[in-house]
Amino acid sequence: MAGGPSTPELARAVSEAGGLGMIAGALLTPEGFAAQVDSIRGVTFGVNLFLPEEPSGADVQSYAQHLAPWFERFDIEPGELVRRDDYYAEKFAWLLAHPVPMVSSTFATFDADEVARLHAVGTEVWATVATASDASVATANGVDALVVQGPEAGGHRGTFDGSAPEQPLTELLAAVREISELPRVAAGGLMDGNDIVPLLDSGAAHAAQFGTAFLNTPEAGTKPIHRQQLTLASDTAVTRAFSGRPARGLVNDFMRENSAVAPAAFPDLHYLTAPLRAKAAAIGDPSALSMWAGTGHRRVQAMPAAELIAEWARQLGR
């Protein structure tokens, strides 16, 4: 949950309660990244990185002109691309010099050399996959586990090619199982222990990853207006309008007006719309804010992370 909702406090609370807390390493400076990771040492945790993508060649300037009325309405200037690669090389090198228990990837898989280098410093390696093809590549590169992300998941789709397939999580898990023997961590639309039980009992998954379910915990960095809308908004949809990559969030006016024309250009659009989203959050206006959430968002609970995990464990009978 990069960009705010994920915090070291949330990751620590999850780990101390028996889960595997994650630090969202994307969209942070190298200094901010190192500070967050170091602040949680002492518990078992993981770190997620967005792997960089080549420029798509899309006409970002035309989209910026299309958004001019939105920038005028909120009285702000369009944002500028800061760093296309999200400081990936620097973050990866830092993780080799300052090892962590686990590192996972999103938008691509670590190559075989990178996996070997992480293994050499004692770090387990996972890959987020959203298609069976993604899973095949990650498995061949030697990762240790697959986070199988269904279309029900909130936030960015983890497909390696930037697409947004609609194969439901249960079907995707079955497809991945056919081509890889690696442990499968189910993700997408899961909100409590009852959602996990059939996946574990059937052997479809070995574990589950939650995101949206933690958005209304006190430890999360979720914006107040985003928290409010989790139970007020009726629908979610997948859009490129905010970031240039398919991502699921609560439907609002910005998505309705701009999804059809938004180009595939990540992270260009992320930086372009950043000032707009920041202003919308600051004034509590949900119309122009990217409020990432999965399909189960209306079942979110306002409880501390440890209490949620305890409740889920009871539902699992553990």
C-alpha atoms as a PDB file:
ATOM      1  CA  MET A   1       0.000   0.000   0.000  1.00  0.00           C
ATOM      2  CA  ALA A   2       2.547   2.527  -1.180  1.00  0.00           C
ATOM      3  CA  GLY A   3       1.905   6.231  -1.103  1.00  0.00           C
ATOM      4  CA  GLY A   4       0.652   6.669   2.452  1.00  0.00           C
ATOM      5  CA  PRO A   5      -1.552   3.903   3.916  1.00  0.00           C
ATOM      6  CA  SER A   6       1.401   1.629   4.623  1.00  0.00           C
ATOM      7  CA  THR A   7       3.412   2.769   7.646  1.00  0.00           C
ATOM      8  CA  PRO A   8       6.157   1.243   9.794  1.00  0.00           C
ATOM      9  CA  GLU A   9       3.698   1.371  12.690  1.00  0.00           C
ATOM     10  CA  LEU A  10       1.219  -0.791  10.786  1.00  0.00           C
ATOM     11  CA  ALA A  11       3.904  -3.217   9.654  1.00  0.00           C
ATOM     12  CA  ARG A  12       5.222  -3.605  13.203  1.00  0.00           C
ATOM     13  CA  ALA A  13       1.732  -4.094  14.635  1.00  0.00           C
ATOM     14  CA  VAL A  14       0.987  -6.831  12.096  1.00  0.00           C
ATOM     15  CA  SER A  15       4.274  -8.624  12.737  1.00  0.00           C
ATOM     16  CA  GLU A  16       3.957  -8.425  16.510  1.00  0.00           C
ATOM     17  CA  ALA A  17       0.445  -9.890  16.228  1.00  0.00           C
ATOM     18  CA  GLY A  18       1.714 -12.922  14.340  1.00  0.00           C
ATOM     19  CA  GLY A  19       1.444 -11.774  10.734  1.00  0.00           C
ATOM     20  CA  LEU A  20       4.126 -10.636   8.295  1.00  0.00           C
ATOM     21  CA  GLY A  21       4.137  -6.853   8.240  1.00  0.00           C
ATOM     22  CA  MET A  22       5.278  -5.174   5.030  1.00  0.00           C
ATOM     23  CA  ILE A  23       7.113  -1.927   4.347  1.00  0.00           C
ATOM     24  CA  ALA A  24       5.948  -0.362   1.078  1.00  0.00           C
ATOM     25  CA  GLY A  25       9.263   0.734  -0.386  1.00  0.00           C
ATOM     26  CA  ALA A  26       7.857   2.381  -3.508  1.00  0.00           C
ATOM     27  CA  LEU A  27       7.479   6.139  -3.958  1.00  0.00           C
ATOM     28  CA  LEU A  28       9.998   6.878  -1.188  1.00  0.00           C
ATOM     29  CA  THR A  29      13.381   8.572  -1.434  1.00  0.00           C
ATOM     30  CA  PRO A  30      16.335   6.320  -0.596  1.00  0.00           C
ATOM     31  CA  GLU A  31      16.707   8.151   2.711  1.00  0.00           C
ATOM     32  CA  GLY A  32      13.033   7.788   3.598  1.00  0.00           C
ATOM     33  CA  PHE A  33      13.124   4.146   2.524  1.00  0.00           C
ATOM     34  CA  ALA A  34      16.110   3.343   4.737  1.00  0.00           C
ATOM     35  CA  ALA A  35      14.588   5.141   7.702  1.00  0.00           C
ATOM     36  CA  GLN A  36      11.316   3.223   7.448  1.00  0.00           C
ATOM     37  CA  VAL A  37      13.013  -0.156   7.097  1.00  0.00           C
ATOM     38  CA  ASP A  38      15.439   0.467   9.959  1.00  0.00           C
ATOM     39  CA  SER A  39      12.599   1.603  12.223  1.00  0.00           C
ATOM     40  CA  ILE A  40      10.981  -1.842  12.166  1.00  0.00           C
ATOM     41  CA  ARG A  41      14.012  -4.051  12.732  1.00  0.00           C
ATOM     42  CA  GLY A  42      13.607  -6.446  15.612  1.00  0.00           C
ATOM     43  CA  VAL A  43      10.543  -8.193  14.176  1.00  0.00           C
ATOM     44  CA  THR A  44      10.111 -10.429  11.131  1.00  0.00           C
ATOM     45  CA  PHE A  45       8.919  -8.301   8.217  1.00  0.00           C
ATOM     46  CA  GLY A  46       9.102  -7.844   4.465  1.00  0.00           C
ATOM     47  CA  VAL A  47       9.808  -5.032   2.036  1.00  0.00           C
ATOM     48  CA  ASN A  48       8.058  -4.498  -1.287  1.00  0.00           C
ATOM     49  CA  LEU A  49       9.610  -2.718  -4.275  1.00  0.00           C
ATOM     50  CA  PHE A  50       8.028  -1.447  -7.493  1.00  0.00           C
ATOM     51  CA  LEU A  51      10.308  -2.569 -10.320  1.00  0.00           C
ATOM     52  CA  PRO A  52      10.954   0.171 -12.912  1.00  0.00           C
ATOM     53  CA  GLU A  53       9.415   0.216 -16.369  1.00  0.00           C
ATOM     54  CA  GLU A  54      10.600   1.603 -19.669  1.00  0.00           C
ATOM     55  CA  PRO A  55       8.818   4.739 -21.007  1.00  0.00           C
ATOM     56  CA  SER A  56       5.645   3.795 -22.866  1.00  0.00           C
ATOM     57  CA  GLY A  57       5.886   6.605 -25.385  1.00  0.00           C
ATOM     58  CA  ALA A  58       2.331   7.716 -24.554  1.00  0.00           C
ATOM     59  CA  ASP A  59       1.316  11.341 -25.089  1.00  0.00           C
ATOM     60  CA  VAL A  60       1.393  12.533 -21.496  1.00  0.00           C
ATOM     61  CA  GLN A  61       1.278  16.199 -22.488  1.00  0.00           C
ATOM     62  CA  SER A  62      -2.066  15.777 -24.223  1.00  0.00           C
ATOM     63  CA  TYR A  63      -3.464  14.147 -21.099  1.00  0.00           C
ATOM     64  CA  ALA A  64      -2.113  17.007 -19.002  1.00  0.00           C
ATOM     65  CA  GLN A  65      -3.966  19.452 -21.251  1.00  0.00           C
ATOM     66  CA  HIS A  66      -7.094  17.352 -20.924  1.00  0.00           C
ATOM     67  CA  LEU A  67      -6.816  17.677 -17.137  1.00  0.00           C
ATOM     68  CA  ALA A  68      -6.377  21.463 -17.228  1.00  0.00           C
ATOM     69  CA  PRO A  69      -9.889  22.154 -15.857  1.00  0.00           C
ATOM     70  CA  TRP A  70      -9.126  19.974 -12.838  1.00  0.00           C
ATOM     71  CA  PHE A  71      -5.882  21.798 -12.096  1.00  0.00           C
ATOM     72  CA  GLU A  72      -7.677  25.122 -12.440  1.00  0.00           C
ATOM     73  CA  ARG A  73     -10.521  24.006 -10.196  1.00  0.00           C
ATOM     74  CA  PHE A  74      -8.101  23.058  -7.406  1.00  0.00           C
ATOM     75  CA  ASP A  75      -5.807  26.035  -8.090  1.00  0.00           C
ATOM     76  CA  ILE A  76      -2.617  24.005  -8.450  1.00  0.00           C
ATOM     77  CA  GLU A  77       0.007  23.344 -11.132  1.00  0.00           C
ATOM     78  CA  PRO A  78       0.542  19.948 -12.769  1.00  0.00           C
ATOM     79  CA  GLY A  79       3.278  17.862 -11.204  1.00  0.00           C
ATOM     80  CA  GLU A  80       6.551  16.927 -12.900  1.00  0.00           C
ATOM     81  CA  LEU A  81       8.213  13.545 -13.255  1.00  0.00           C
ATOM     82  CA  VAL A  82      10.737  13.235 -10.428  1.00  0.00           C
ATOM     83  CA  ARG A  83      12.485   9.940 -11.046  1.00  0.00           C
ATOM     84  CA  ARG A  84      11.249   7.297 -13.453  1.00  0.00           C
ATOM     85  CA  ASP A  85      13.009   4.361 -11.801  1.00  0.00           C
ATOM     86  CA  ASP A  86      11.871   5.112  -8.216  1.00  0.00           C
ATOM     87  CA  TYR A  87      15.517   4.930  -7.084  1.00  0.00           C
ATOM     88  CA  TYR A  88      15.335   1.186  -7.640  1.00  0.00           C
ATOM     89  CA  ALA A  89      19.079   0.608  -8.032  1.00  0.00           C
ATOM     90  CA  GLU A  90      19.848   2.541  -4.859  1.00  0.00           C
ATOM     91  CA  LYS A  91      17.167   0.733  -2.841  1.00  0.00           C
ATOM     92  CA  PHE A  92      18.239  -2.685  -4.086  1.00  0.00           C
ATOM     93  CA  ALA A  93      21.894  -1.992  -3.267  1.00  0.00           C
ATOM     94  CA  TRP A  94      20.906  -0.782   0.199  1.00  0.00           C
ATOM     95  CA  LEU A  95      18.950  -3.990   0.845  1.00  0.00           C
ATOM     96  CA  LEU A  96      22.027  -6.031  -0.049  1.00  0.00           C
ATOM     97  CA  ALA A  97      24.124  -3.999   2.384  1.00  0.00           C
ATOM     98  CA  HIS A  98      21.409  -3.957   5.062  1.00  0.00           C
ATOM     99  CA  PRO A  99      19.552  -7.294   4.633  1.00  0.00           C
ATOM    100  CA  VAL A 100      15.929  -7.824   5.615  1.00  0.00           C
ATOM    101  CA  PRO A 101      13.998 -11.101   6.090  1.00  0.00           C
ATOM    102  CA  MET A 102      12.016 -10.883   2.841  1.00  0.00           C
ATOM    103  CA  VAL A 103      11.757  -8.701  -0.263  1.00  0.00           C
ATOM    104  CA  SER A 104       8.897  -8.871  -2.770  1.00  0.00           C
ATOM    105  CA  SER A 105       8.491  -7.303  -6.193  1.00  0.00           C
ATOM    106  CA  THR A 106       5.580  -5.666  -7.979  1.00  0.00           C
ATOM    107  CA  PHE A 107       5.211  -4.871 -11.728  1.00  0.00           C
ATOM    108  CA  ALA A 108       7.915  -7.425 -12.611  1.00  0.00           C
ATOM    109  CA  THR A 109      10.047 -10.112 -11.034  1.00  0.00           C
ATOM    110  CA  PHE A 110      13.636  -9.841  -9.877  1.00  0.00           C
ATOM    111  CA  ASP A 111      15.909 -11.447 -12.449  1.00  0.00           C
ATOM    112  CA  ALA A 112      17.847 -14.603 -11.602  1.00  0.00           C
ATOM    113  CA  ASP A 113      20.987 -12.671 -10.668  1.00  0.00           C
ATOM    114  CA  GLU A 114      19.084 -10.359  -8.350  1.00  0.00           C
ATOM    115  CA  VAL A 115      17.378 -13.322  -6.690  1.00  0.00           C
ATOM    116  CA  ALA A 116      20.744 -14.989  -6.156  1.00  0.00           C
ATOM    117  CA  ARG A 117      22.222 -11.820  -4.677  1.00  0.00           C
ATOM    118  CA  LEU A 118      19.330 -11.459  -2.235  1.00  0.00           C
ATOM    119  CA  HIS A 119      19.573 -15.130  -1.284  1.00  0.00           C
ATOM    120  CA  ALA A 120      23.297 -14.662  -0.656  1.00  0.00           C
ATOM    121  CA  VAL A 121      22.577 -12.157   2.121  1.00  0.00           C
ATOM    122  CA  GLY A 122      19.876 -14.341   3.677  1.00  0.00           C
ATOM    123  CA  THR A 123      16.814 -12.618   2.207  1.00  0.00           C
ATOM    124  CA  GLU A 124      13.796 -14.595   1.004  1.00  0.00           C
ATOM    125  CA  VAL A 125      12.369 -13.433  -2.338  1.00  0.00           C
ATOM    126  CA  TRP A 126       8.716 -13.254  -3.357  1.00  0.00           C
ATOM    127  CA  ALA A 127       7.080 -11.956  -6.533  1.00  0.00           C
ATOM    128  CA  THR A 128       3.635 -10.437  -7.036  1.00  0.00           C
ATOM    129  CA  VAL A 129       2.003 -12.073 -10.056  1.00  0.00           C
ATOM    130  CA  ALA A 130      -1.354 -11.402 -11.667  1.00  0.00           C
ATOM    131  CA  THR A 131      -1.278 -13.940 -14.512  1.00  0.00           C
ATOM    132  CA  ALA A 132      -0.058 -17.498 -14.931  1.00  0.00           C
ATOM    133  CA  SER A 133       2.510 -16.168 -17.402  1.00  0.00           C
ATOM    134  CA  ASP A 134       3.901 -13.818 -14.746  1.00  0.00           C
ATOM    135  CA  ALA A 135       4.107 -16.754 -12.344  1.00  0.00           C
ATOM    136  CA  SER A 136       6.017 -18.833 -14.878  1.00  0.00           C
ATOM    137  CA  VAL A 137       8.672 -16.142 -15.345  1.00  0.00           C
ATOM    138  CA  ALA A 138       9.055 -15.533 -11.605  1.00  0.00           C
ATOM    139  CA  THR A 139       9.337 -19.250 -10.894  1.00  0.00           C
ATOM    140  CA  ALA A 140      12.033 -19.665 -13.546  1.00  0.00           C
ATOM    141  CA  ASN A 141      14.011 -16.827 -11.966  1.00  0.00           C
ATOM    142  CA  GLY A 142      14.207 -18.679  -8.666  1.00  0.00           C
ATOM    143  CA  VAL A 143      11.894 -16.762  -6.318  1.00  0.00           C
ATOM    144  CA  ASP A 144      10.686 -18.472  -3.163  1.00  0.00           C
ATOM    145  CA  ALA A 145       6.950 -17.702  -3.229  1.00  0.00           C
ATOM    146  CA  LEU A 146       4.264 -16.092  -5.362  1.00  0.00           C
ATOM    147  CA  VAL A 147       1.811 -13.445  -4.194  1.00  0.00           C
ATOM    148  CA  VAL A 148      -1.088 -14.265  -6.512  1.00  0.00           C
ATOM    149  CA  GLN A 149      -3.049 -11.042  -6.976  1.00  0.00           C
ATOM    150  CA  GLY A 150      -6.580 -11.316  -8.291  1.00  0.00           C
ATOM    151  CA  PRO A 151      -8.504  -8.470  -9.972  1.00  0.00           C
ATOM    152  CA  GLU A 152     -10.490  -7.936  -6.763  1.00  0.00           C
ATOM    153  CA  ALA A 153      -7.423  -6.357  -5.138  1.00  0.00           C
ATOM    154  CA  GLY A 154      -7.248  -2.676  -4.358  1.00  0.00           C
ATOM    155  CA  GLY A 155      -4.415  -0.542  -5.689  1.00  0.00           C
ATOM    156  CA  HIS A 156      -2.202  -1.228  -8.661  1.00  0.00           C
ATOM    157  CA  ARG A 157      -2.448  -4.425 -10.650  1.00  0.00           C
ATOM    158  CA  GLY A 158       0.834  -6.299 -10.486  1.00  0.00           C
ATOM    159  CA  THR A 159       0.870  -7.573 -14.064  1.00  0.00           C
ATOM    160  CA  PHE A 160       4.277  -7.512 -15.720  1.00  0.00           C
ATOM    161  CA  ASP A 161       2.847  -6.078 -18.967  1.00  0.00           C
ATOM    162  CA  GLY A 162       0.676  -3.375 -17.406  1.00  0.00           C
ATOM    163  CA  SER A 163      -2.601  -5.060 -18.342  1.00  0.00           C
ATOM    164  CA  ALA A 164      -5.660  -5.607 -16.158  1.00  0.00           C
ATOM    165  CA  PRO A 165      -6.956  -9.170 -16.693  1.00  0.00           C
ATOM    166  CA  GLU A 166     -10.268 -10.043 -15.071  1.00  0.00           C
ATOM    167  CA  GLN A 167      -9.717 -13.716 -14.219  1.00  0.00           C
ATOM    168  CA  PRO A 168     -11.105 -14.094 -10.653  1.00  0.00           C
ATOM    169  CA  LEU A 169      -8.687 -14.882  -7.843  1.00  0.00           C
ATOM    170  CA  THR A 170      -9.902 -18.450  -7.385  1.00  0.00           C
ATOM    171  CA  GLU A 171      -9.399 -19.213 -11.089  1.00  0.00           C
ATOM    172  CA  LEU A 172      -6.031 -17.461 -11.138  1.00  0.00           C
ATOM    173  CA  LEU A 173      -4.823 -19.492  -8.168  1.00  0.00           C
ATOM    174  CA  ALA A 174      -5.778 -22.678  -9.996  1.00  0.00           C
ATOM    175  CA  ALA A 175      -3.982 -21.548 -13.154  1.00  0.00           C
ATOM    176  CA  VAL A 176      -0.830 -20.675 -11.228  1.00  0.00           C
ATOM    177  CA  ARG A 177      -0.954 -23.997  -9.403  1.00  0.00           C
ATOM    178  CA  GLU A 178      -0.830 -25.758 -12.756  1.00  0.00           C
ATOM    179  CA  ILE A 179       2.484 -24.198 -13.775  1.00  0.00           C
ATOM    180  CA  SER A 180       4.322 -23.649 -10.483  1.00  0.00           C
ATOM    181  CA  GLU A 181       4.877 -25.637  -7.301  1.00  0.00           C
ATOM    182  CA  LEU A 182       5.907 -22.572  -5.316  1.00  0.00           C
ATOM    183  CA  PRO A 183       3.879 -21.502  -2.256  1.00  0.00           C
ATOM    184  CA  ARG A 184       0.935 -19.295  -3.239  1.00  0.00           C
ATOM    185  CA  VAL A 185      -0.092 -16.270  -1.178  1.00  0.00           C
ATOM    186  CA  ALA A 186      -3.624 -15.262  -2.180  1.00  0.00           C
ATOM    187  CA  ALA A 187      -4.422 -11.551  -2.505  1.00  0.00           C
ATOM    188  CA  GLY A 188      -7.470  -9.638  -3.677  1.00  0.00           C
ATOM    189  CA  GLY A 189     -10.836  -8.972  -2.065  1.00  0.00           C
ATOM    190  CA  LEU A 190     -10.010 -10.900   1.122  1.00  0.00           C
ATOM    191  CA  MET A 191     -11.265  -9.143   4.253  1.00  0.00           C
ATOM    192  CA  ASP A 192     -11.233 -11.641   7.124  1.00  0.00           C
ATOM    193  CA  GLY A 193     -10.405 -15.168   8.220  1.00  0.00           C
ATOM    194  CA  ASN A 194     -13.628 -16.569   6.814  1.00  0.00           C
ATOM    195  CA  ASP A 195     -12.491 -15.517   3.340  1.00  0.00           C
ATOM    196  CA  ILE A 196      -9.245 -17.449   3.744  1.00  0.00           C
ATOM    197  CA  VAL A 197     -10.631 -20.734   5.082  1.00  0.00           C
ATOM    198  CA  PRO A 198     -11.845 -22.184   1.752  1.00  0.00           C
ATOM    199  CA  LEU A 199      -8.612 -21.223   0.000  1.00  0.00           C
ATOM    200  CA  LEU A 200      -6.483 -22.975   2.610  1.00  0.00           C
ATOM    201  CA  ASP A 201      -8.766 -25.977   3.011  1.00  0.00           C
ATOM    202  CA  SER A 202      -8.862 -26.605  -0.747  1.00  0.00           C
ATOM    203  CA  GLY A 203      -5.117 -26.193  -1.162  1.00  0.00           C
ATOM    204  CA  ALA A 204      -5.646 -23.279  -3.533  1.00  0.00           C
ATOM    205  CA  ALA A 205      -3.389 -21.091  -1.379  1.00  0.00           C
ATOM    206  CA  HIS A 206      -0.910 -21.519   1.440  1.00  0.00           C
ATOM    207  CA  ALA A 207      -1.401 -18.061   2.956  1.00  0.00           C
ATOM    208  CA  ALA A 208      -3.174 -14.780   2.314  1.00  0.00           C
ATOM    209  CA  GLN A 209      -2.189 -11.136   1.984  1.00  0.00           C
ATOM    210  CA  PHE A 210      -4.440  -8.317   3.181  1.00  0.00           C
ATOM    211  CA  GLY A 211      -4.406  -4.669   2.175  1.00  0.00           C
ATOM    212  CA  THR A 212      -7.823  -3.015   2.157  1.00  0.00           C
ATOM    213  CA  ALA A 213      -8.740  -4.758   5.422  1.00  0.00           C
ATOM    214  CA  PHE A 214      -6.092  -2.659   7.210  1.00  0.00           C
ATOM    215  CA  LEU A 215      -7.022   0.731   5.721  1.00  0.00           C
ATOM    216  CA  ASN A 216      -9.140   1.828   8.680  1.00  0.00           C
ATOM    217  CA  THR A 217      -6.764   0.704  11.417  1.00  0.00           C
ATOM    218  CA  PRO A 218      -5.312   3.484  13.589  1.00  0.00           C
ATOM    219  CA  GLU A 219      -1.805   2.424  12.555  1.00  0.00           C
ATOM    220  CA  ALA A 220      -2.469   2.999   8.839  1.00  0.00           C
ATOM    221  CA  GLY A 221      -1.619   6.288   7.155  1.00  0.00           C
ATOM    222  CA  THR A 222      -4.931   6.384   5.266  1.00  0.00           C
ATOM    223  CA  LYS A 223      -6.208   9.930   4.652  1.00  0.00           C
ATOM    224  CA  PRO A 224      -9.294  10.890   6.728  1.00  0.00           C
ATOM    225  CA  ILE A 225     -11.485  11.434   3.656  1.00  0.00           C
ATOM    226  CA  HIS A 226     -10.363   8.050   2.270  1.00  0.00           C
ATOM    227  CA  ARG A 227     -11.325   6.350   5.545  1.00  0.00           C
ATOM    228  CA  GLN A 228     -14.744   8.004   5.417  1.00  0.00           C
ATOM    229  CA  GLN A 229     -15.396   6.971   1.842  1.00  0.00           C
ATOM    230  CA  LEU A 230     -14.522   3.299   2.440  1.00  0.00           C
ATOM    231  CA  THR A 231     -17.990   2.643   3.814  1.00  0.00           C
ATOM    232  CA  LEU A 232     -19.835   5.410   1.947  1.00  0.00           C
ATOM    233  CA  ALA A 233     -18.748   4.656  -1.626  1.00  0.00           C
ATOM    234  CA  SER A 234     -20.708   1.908  -3.295  1.00  0.00           C
ATOM    235  CA  ASP A 235     -18.399   0.821  -6.081  1.00  0.00           C
ATOM    236  CA  THR A 236     -14.790   0.324  -7.076  1.00  0.00           C
ATOM    237  CA  ALA A 237     -13.329   0.329 -10.574  1.00  0.00           C
ATOM    238  CA  VAL A 238      -9.974  -0.125 -12.261  1.00  0.00           C
ATOM    239  CA  THR A 239      -8.485   3.014 -13.763  1.00  0.00           C
ATOM    240  CA  ARG A 240      -5.280   4.454 -15.237  1.00  0.00           C
ATOM    241  CA  ALA A 241      -6.496   8.019 -14.677  1.00  0.00           C
ATOM    242  CA  PHE A 242      -4.378   8.775 -11.609  1.00  0.00           C
ATOM    243  CA  SER A 243      -1.108   6.966 -12.235  1.00  0.00           C
ATOM    244  CA  GLY A 244      -0.962   5.638 -15.783  1.00  0.00           C
ATOM    245  CA  ARG A 245      -1.195   2.012 -14.612  1.00  0.00           C
ATOM    246  CA  PRO A 246      -4.367   0.016 -13.902  1.00  0.00           C
ATOM    247  CA  ALA A 247      -5.361   0.316 -10.251  1.00  0.00           C
ATOM    248  CA  ARG A 248      -8.591  -0.400  -8.369  1.00  0.00           C
ATOM    249  CA  GLY A 249     -10.092   2.320  -6.232  1.00  0.00           C
ATOM    250  CA  LEU A 250     -13.326   3.874  -5.024  1.00  0.00           C
ATOM    251  CA  VAL A 251     -15.217   5.396  -7.924  1.00  0.00           C
ATOM    252  CA  ASN A 252     -15.257   9.202  -7.969  1.00  0.00           C
ATOM    253  CA  ASP A 253     -15.712  12.058 -10.438  1.00  0.00           C
ATOM    254  CA  PHE A 254     -12.080  12.097 -11.557  1.00  0.00           C
ATOM    255  CA  MET A 255     -12.225   8.432 -12.496  1.00  0.00           C
ATOM    256  CA  ARG A 256     -15.538   8.812 -14.295  1.00  0.00           C
ATOM    257  CA  GLU A 257     -14.332  11.739 -16.389  1.00  0.00           C
ATOM    258  CA  ASN A 258     -10.804  10.644 -17.213  1.00  0.00           C
ATOM    259  CA  SER A 259     -10.447   6.863 -17.181  1.00  0.00           C
ATOM    260  CA  ALA A 260     -11.391   6.453 -20.834  1.00  0.00           C
ATOM    261  CA  VAL A 261      -8.670   8.795 -22.088  1.00  0.00           C
ATOM    262  CA  ALA A 262      -5.836   8.173 -19.610  1.00  0.00           C
ATOM    263  CA  PRO A 263      -2.757   6.764 -21.382  1.00  0.00           C
ATOM    264  CA  ALA A 264      -0.608   3.878 -20.188  1.00  0.00           C
ATOM    265  CA  ALA A 265       2.236   5.939 -18.752  1.00  0.00           C
ATOM    266  CA  PHE A 266       3.473   5.013 -15.283  1.00  0.00           C
ATOM    267  CA  PRO A 267       4.888   6.740 -13.280  1.00  0.00           C
ATOM    268  CA  ASP A 268       4.434   9.830 -15.470  1.00  0.00           C
ATOM    269  CA  LEU A 269       0.760  10.232 -14.599  1.00  0.00           C
ATOM    270  CA  HIS A 270       1.416   9.485 -10.937  1.00  0.00           C
ATOM    271  CA  TYR A 271       3.668  12.530 -10.696  1.00  0.00           C
ATOM    272  CA  LEU A 272       1.450  14.613 -13.004  1.00  0.00           C
ATOM    273  CA  THR A 273      -1.594  14.206 -10.751  1.00  0.00           C
ATOM    274  CA  ALA A 274       0.279  14.185  -7.415  1.00  0.00           C
ATOM    275  CA  PRO A 275      -0.364  17.887  -6.561  1.00  0.00           C
ATOM    276  CA  LEU A 276      -4.043  17.491  -7.452  1.00  0.00           C
ATOM    277  CA  ARG A 277      -4.426  14.460  -5.209  1.00  0.00           C
ATOM    278  CA  ALA A 278      -2.551  16.135  -2.376  1.00  0.00           C
ATOM    279  CA  LYS A 279      -4.785  19.200  -2.544  1.00  0.00           C
ATOM    280  CA  ALA A 280      -7.934  17.070  -2.654  1.00  0.00           C
ATOM    281  CA  ALA A 281      -6.796  15.153   0.442  1.00  0.00           C
ATOM    282  CA  ALA A 282      -5.868  18.351   2.282  1.00  0.00           C
ATOM    283  CA  ILE A 283      -9.284  19.923   1.804  1.00  0.00           C
ATOM    284  CA  GLY A 284     -11.235  16.686   2.253  1.00  0.00           C
ATOM    285  CA  ASP A 285     -12.598  16.544  -1.300  1.00  0.00           C
ATOM    286  CA  PRO A 286     -12.985  12.922  -2.475  1.00  0.00           C
ATOM    287  CA  SER A 287     -13.713  13.885  -6.087  1.00  0.00           C
ATOM    288  CA  ALA A 288     -10.052  14.051  -7.157  1.00  0.00           C
ATOM    289  CA  LEU A 289      -8.349  11.693  -4.721  1.00  0.00           C
ATOM    290  CA  SER A 290      -7.043   8.227  -5.609  1.00  0.00           C
ATOM    291  CA  MET A 291      -8.696   6.121  -2.922  1.00  0.00           C
ATOM    292  CA  TRP A 292      -7.318   2.673  -3.613  1.00  0.00           C
ATOM    293  CA  ALA A 293      -9.480  -0.121  -2.243  1.00  0.00           C
ATOM    294  CA  GLY A 294     -10.487  -3.656  -3.108  1.00  0.00           C
ATOM    295  CA  THR A 295     -13.932  -5.041  -3.818  1.00  0.00           C
ATOM    296  CA  GLY A 296     -14.530  -5.860  -0.150  1.00  0.00           C
ATOM    297  CA  HIS A 297     -14.017  -2.278   1.030  1.00  0.00           C
ATOM    298  CA  ARG A 298     -17.419  -1.900   2.674  1.00  0.00           C
ATOM    299  CA  ARG A 299     -16.525  -4.660   5.117  1.00  0.00           C
ATOM    300  CA  VAL A 300     -13.570  -2.702   6.485  1.00  0.00           C
ATOM    301  CA  GLN A 301     -13.411  -2.447  10.286  1.00  0.00           C
ATOM    302  CA  ALA A 302     -12.127   0.439  12.419  1.00  0.00           C
ATOM    303  CA  MET A 303     -10.004  -1.672  14.756  1.00  0.00           C
ATOM    304  CA  PRO A 304      -6.323  -1.892  15.735  1.00  0.00           C
ATOM    305  CA  ALA A 305      -4.336  -4.265  13.539  1.00  0.00           C
ATOM    306  CA  ALA A 306      -3.652  -6.670  16.406  1.00  0.00           C
ATOM    307  CA  GLU A 307      -7.366  -7.009  17.175  1.00  0.00           C
ATOM    308  CA  LEU A 308      -8.157  -7.689  13.526  1.00  0.00           C
ATOM    309  CA  ILE A 309      -5.531 -10.404  13.317  1.00  0.00           C
ATOM    310  CA  ALA A 310      -6.770 -11.994  16.544  1.00  0.00           C
ATOM    311  CA  GLU A 311     -10.300 -12.030  15.161  1.00  0.00           C
ATOM    312  CA  TRP A 312      -9.155 -13.576  11.885  1.00  0.00           C
ATOM    313  CA  ALA A 313      -7.177 -16.219  13.759  1.00  0.00           C
ATOM    314  CA  ARG A 314     -10.318 -17.201  15.667  1.00  0.00           C
ATOM    315  CA  GLN A 315     -12.221 -17.479  12.408  1.00  0.00           C
ATOM    316  CA  LEU A 316      -9.475 -19.748  11.119  1.00  0.00           C
ATOM    317  CA  GLY A 317      -9.643 -21.807  14.297  1.00  0.00           C
ATOM    318  CA  ARG A 318      -6.040 -21.037  15.212  1.00  0.00           C
END
